[in-house]
């Protein structure tokens, strides 16, 4: 999956990722897949919060918010999550 990785704002310790193609993610079915990869998952109605080494918020449109100030860590986390969400791509 190809994506953009952006820093949302100067004072925020996190990175925002969006897919280059419009997509929809079935959050309910994703919970088990994330848990089987070692993530602790919190279902917060219209989004998921996945925790492993860092916290990642997953939105139904495929957007991710990674809470870290390290760009390379954020990129690796995004790649890992997108591999779980989109295993066939």
N, C-alpha and C. Protein backbone atom coordinates (compact mmCIF):
# COMPACT_ATOMS: atom_id res chain seq x y z
N UNK A 1 0.86 -1.18 0.00
CA UNK A 1 0.00 0.00 0.00
C UNK A 1 0.90 1.23 0.00
N UNK A 2 0.65 2.12 -0.91
CA UNK A 2 1.42 3.36 -0.93
C UNK A 2 0.68 4.41 -0.10
N UNK A 3 1.46 5.25 0.56
CA UNK A 3 0.87 6.20 1.49
C UNK A 3 1.69 7.46 1.58
N UNK A 4 1.06 8.49 2.14
CA UNK A 4 1.73 9.75 2.47
C UNK A 4 1.98 9.75 3.97
N UNK A 5 3.10 10.27 4.42
CA UNK A 5 3.40 10.39 5.83
C UNK A 5 3.65 11.87 6.12
N UNK A 6 2.79 12.46 6.93
CA UNK A 6 2.85 13.89 7.18
C UNK A 6 2.93 14.19 8.66
N UNK A 7 3.60 15.25 9.01
CA UNK A 7 3.62 15.73 10.40
C UNK A 7 2.43 16.68 10.54
N UNK A 8 1.45 16.36 11.40
CA UNK A 8 0.24 17.18 11.46
C UNK A 8 0.44 18.62 11.88
N UNK A 9 1.28 18.86 12.87
CA UNK A 9 1.55 20.24 13.26
C UNK A 9 2.84 20.28 14.06
N UNK A 10 3.40 21.45 14.16
CA UNK A 10 4.70 21.63 14.79
C UNK A 10 4.76 21.12 16.23
N UNK A 11 3.76 21.43 17.03
CA UNK A 11 3.80 21.09 18.44
C UNK A 11 3.27 19.72 18.79
N UNK A 12 2.89 18.93 17.79
CA UNK A 12 2.28 17.62 18.05
C UNK A 12 3.29 16.51 17.84
N UNK A 13 3.43 15.61 18.81
CA UNK A 13 4.36 14.49 18.71
C UNK A 13 3.66 13.33 18.02
N UNK A 14 3.52 13.42 16.72
CA UNK A 14 2.86 12.36 15.98
C UNK A 14 2.95 12.59 14.49
N UNK A 15 2.63 11.53 13.74
CA UNK A 15 2.62 11.59 12.29
C UNK A 15 1.30 11.05 11.79
N UNK A 16 0.81 11.66 10.74
CA UNK A 16 -0.44 11.28 10.12
C UNK A 16 -0.11 10.61 8.79
N UNK A 17 -0.79 9.49 8.53
CA UNK A 17 -0.59 8.80 7.26
C UNK A 17 -1.93 8.62 6.58
N UNK A 18 -1.94 8.86 5.28
CA UNK A 18 -3.14 8.63 4.48
C UNK A 18 -2.74 7.78 3.27
N UNK A 19 -3.64 6.93 2.84
CA UNK A 19 -3.38 6.12 1.66
C UNK A 19 -3.50 6.99 0.41
N UNK A 20 -2.75 6.65 -0.61
CA UNK A 20 -2.79 7.43 -1.84
C UNK A 20 -4.08 7.19 -2.61
N UNK A 21 -4.70 6.01 -2.43
CA UNK A 21 -5.98 5.70 -3.05
C UNK A 21 -7.06 5.72 -1.99
N UNK A 22 -8.23 6.19 -2.36
CA UNK A 22 -9.37 6.20 -1.45
C UNK A 22 -9.71 4.77 -1.03
N UNK A 23 -9.97 4.56 0.24
CA UNK A 23 -10.22 3.22 0.74
C UNK A 23 -11.18 3.23 1.92
N UNK A 24 -11.74 2.08 2.23
CA UNK A 24 -12.57 1.91 3.42
C UNK A 24 -12.03 0.71 4.18
N UNK A 25 -11.98 0.82 5.50
CA UNK A 25 -11.47 -0.25 6.34
C UNK A 25 -12.59 -0.73 7.24
N UNK A 26 -12.82 -2.05 7.26
CA UNK A 26 -13.81 -2.66 8.16
C UNK A 26 -13.12 -2.82 9.52
N UNK A 27 -13.33 -1.86 10.39
CA UNK A 27 -12.63 -1.83 11.67
C UNK A 27 -12.96 -3.04 12.54
N UNK A 28 -14.21 -3.48 12.55
CA UNK A 28 -14.62 -4.62 13.39
C UNK A 28 -13.84 -5.88 13.02
N UNK A 29 -13.71 -6.14 11.72
CA UNK A 29 -12.99 -7.36 11.31
C UNK A 29 -11.48 -7.22 11.48
N UNK A 30 -10.99 -6.02 11.60
CA UNK A 30 -9.56 -5.77 11.75
C UNK A 30 -9.06 -6.06 13.17
N UNK A 31 -9.94 -6.00 14.15
CA UNK A 31 -9.53 -6.17 15.55
C UNK A 31 -8.79 -7.48 15.77
N UNK A 32 -9.35 -8.60 15.33
CA UNK A 32 -8.71 -9.90 15.51
C UNK A 32 -7.36 -9.99 14.82
N UNK A 33 -7.26 -9.42 13.63
CA UNK A 33 -5.99 -9.44 12.89
C UNK A 33 -4.91 -8.67 13.64
N UNK A 34 -5.27 -7.52 14.17
CA UNK A 34 -4.30 -6.72 14.93
C UNK A 34 -3.87 -7.46 16.20
N UNK A 35 -4.83 -8.04 16.91
CA UNK A 35 -4.52 -8.76 18.14
C UNK A 35 -3.63 -9.97 17.87
N UNK A 36 -3.84 -10.65 16.74
CA UNK A 36 -2.99 -11.80 16.41
C UNK A 36 -1.57 -11.39 16.06
N UNK A 37 -1.36 -10.11 15.78
CA UNK A 37 -0.01 -9.58 15.53
C UNK A 37 0.58 -8.90 16.77
N UNK A 38 -0.06 -9.11 17.92
CA UNK A 38 0.50 -8.61 19.17
C UNK A 38 0.06 -7.22 19.59
N UNK A 39 -0.92 -6.65 18.92
CA UNK A 39 -1.41 -5.33 19.28
C UNK A 39 -2.51 -5.44 20.33
N UNK A 40 -2.50 -4.53 21.27
CA UNK A 40 -3.62 -4.35 22.19
C UNK A 40 -4.54 -3.36 21.48
N UNK A 41 -5.83 -3.72 21.35
CA UNK A 41 -6.74 -2.90 20.54
C UNK A 41 -7.89 -2.39 21.39
N UNK A 42 -8.14 -1.11 21.26
CA UNK A 42 -9.27 -0.46 21.91
C UNK A 42 -10.23 0.00 20.81
N UNK A 43 -11.47 -0.49 20.87
CA UNK A 43 -12.49 -0.11 19.89
C UNK A 43 -13.24 1.10 20.43
N UNK A 44 -13.03 2.25 19.80
CA UNK A 44 -13.64 3.49 20.26
C UNK A 44 -14.67 3.94 19.23
N UNK A 45 -15.74 3.22 19.14
CA UNK A 45 -16.88 3.49 18.26
C UNK A 45 -16.50 3.62 16.79
N UNK A 46 -15.98 4.73 16.35
CA UNK A 46 -15.72 4.97 14.93
C UNK A 46 -14.25 4.92 14.56
N UNK A 47 -13.42 4.42 15.47
CA UNK A 47 -12.00 4.27 15.19
C UNK A 47 -11.42 3.22 16.13
N UNK A 48 -10.21 2.77 15.82
CA UNK A 48 -9.50 1.82 16.67
C UNK A 48 -8.21 2.47 17.17
N UNK A 49 -7.83 2.11 18.39
CA UNK A 49 -6.53 2.52 18.92
C UNK A 49 -5.74 1.24 19.15
N UNK A 50 -4.65 1.09 18.41
CA UNK A 50 -3.80 -0.10 18.51
C UNK A 50 -2.51 0.29 19.22
N UNK A 51 -2.13 -0.53 20.21
CA UNK A 51 -0.91 -0.25 20.96
C UNK A 51 0.02 -1.45 20.93
N UNK A 52 1.27 -1.17 20.66
CA UNK A 52 2.34 -2.16 20.75
C UNK A 52 3.53 -1.39 21.30
N UNK A 53 4.46 -0.99 20.47
CA UNK A 53 5.55 -0.13 20.93
C UNK A 53 5.08 1.31 21.07
N UNK A 54 4.08 1.68 20.27
CA UNK A 54 3.53 3.04 20.30
C UNK A 54 2.04 2.97 20.02
N UNK A 55 1.37 4.07 20.18
CA UNK A 55 -0.07 4.12 19.96
C UNK A 55 -0.38 4.58 18.54
N UNK A 56 -1.28 3.83 17.88
CA UNK A 56 -1.67 4.15 16.51
C UNK A 56 -3.19 4.19 16.44
N UNK A 57 -3.72 5.31 16.00
CA UNK A 57 -5.16 5.44 15.81
C UNK A 57 -5.48 5.12 14.37
N UNK A 58 -6.47 4.23 14.17
CA UNK A 58 -6.86 3.77 12.84
C UNK A 58 -8.27 4.25 12.54
N UNK A 59 -8.43 4.95 11.43
CA UNK A 59 -9.72 5.50 11.04
C UNK A 59 -10.34 4.65 9.92
N UNK A 60 -11.67 4.69 9.75
CA UNK A 60 -12.32 3.86 8.73
C UNK A 60 -11.93 4.20 7.29
N UNK A 61 -11.37 5.36 7.05
CA UNK A 61 -10.94 5.73 5.70
C UNK A 61 -9.48 5.33 5.43
N UNK A 62 -8.86 4.59 6.35
CA UNK A 62 -7.49 4.13 6.18
C UNK A 62 -6.44 5.08 6.71
N UNK A 63 -6.87 6.22 7.23
CA UNK A 63 -5.92 7.18 7.81
C UNK A 63 -5.38 6.62 9.13
N UNK A 64 -4.11 6.86 9.39
CA UNK A 64 -3.47 6.44 10.64
C UNK A 64 -2.84 7.65 11.31
N UNK A 65 -2.91 7.68 12.63
CA UNK A 65 -2.22 8.68 13.42
C UNK A 65 -1.28 7.94 14.36
N UNK A 66 0.02 8.13 14.17
CA UNK A 66 1.04 7.43 14.95
C UNK A 66 1.63 8.40 15.96
N UNK A 67 1.54 8.05 17.23
CA UNK A 67 2.03 8.94 18.28
C UNK A 67 3.50 8.68 18.57
N UNK A 68 4.34 9.39 17.85
CA UNK A 68 5.79 9.38 18.05
C UNK A 68 6.34 10.63 17.39
N UNK A 69 7.49 11.07 17.84
CA UNK A 69 8.12 12.22 17.19
C UNK A 69 9.27 11.78 16.28
N UNK A 70 9.45 10.47 16.13
CA UNK A 70 10.50 9.91 15.28
C UNK A 70 9.90 9.48 13.94
N UNK A 71 10.28 10.16 12.88
CA UNK A 71 9.69 9.91 11.55
C UNK A 71 9.94 8.48 11.07
N UNK A 72 11.12 7.96 11.28
CA UNK A 72 11.43 6.60 10.82
C UNK A 72 10.62 5.56 11.60
N UNK A 73 10.46 5.75 12.91
CA UNK A 73 9.61 4.86 13.70
C UNK A 73 8.17 4.91 13.19
N UNK A 74 7.70 6.09 12.89
CA UNK A 74 6.34 6.27 12.38
C UNK A 74 6.18 5.54 11.05
N UNK A 75 7.14 5.68 10.16
CA UNK A 75 7.08 5.02 8.85
C UNK A 75 7.02 3.49 9.01
N UNK A 76 7.84 2.94 9.88
CA UNK A 76 7.84 1.49 10.12
C UNK A 76 6.50 1.03 10.70
N UNK A 77 5.96 1.80 11.64
CA UNK A 77 4.68 1.45 12.25
C UNK A 77 3.56 1.49 11.21
N UNK A 78 3.57 2.51 10.36
CA UNK A 78 2.55 2.63 9.31
C UNK A 78 2.65 1.46 8.34
N UNK A 79 3.85 1.12 7.93
CA UNK A 79 4.03 -0.01 7.02
C UNK A 79 3.52 -1.31 7.65
N UNK A 80 3.80 -1.53 8.93
CA UNK A 80 3.34 -2.73 9.62
C UNK A 80 1.82 -2.80 9.69
N UNK A 81 1.19 -1.69 10.03
CA UNK A 81 -0.27 -1.67 10.13
C UNK A 81 -0.90 -1.85 8.75
N UNK A 82 -0.38 -1.18 7.73
CA UNK A 82 -0.96 -1.32 6.39
C UNK A 82 -0.78 -2.73 5.86
N UNK A 83 0.29 -3.43 6.24
CA UNK A 83 0.46 -4.83 5.84
C UNK A 83 -0.63 -5.71 6.45
N UNK A 84 -1.07 -5.37 7.64
CA UNK A 84 -2.16 -6.11 8.29
C UNK A 84 -3.51 -5.76 7.66
N UNK A 85 -3.74 -4.47 7.44
CA UNK A 85 -5.01 -4.03 6.88
C UNK A 85 -5.17 -4.48 5.43
N UNK A 86 -4.11 -4.38 4.64
CA UNK A 86 -4.15 -4.68 3.22
C UNK A 86 -3.15 -5.78 2.87
N UNK A 87 -3.35 -7.01 3.36
CA UNK A 87 -2.34 -8.06 3.14
C UNK A 87 -2.16 -8.45 1.68
N UNK A 88 -3.15 -8.26 0.85
CA UNK A 88 -3.08 -8.68 -0.56
C UNK A 88 -2.41 -7.66 -1.45
N UNK A 89 -2.09 -6.49 -0.94
CA UNK A 89 -1.51 -5.45 -1.79
C UNK A 89 -0.02 -5.40 -1.66
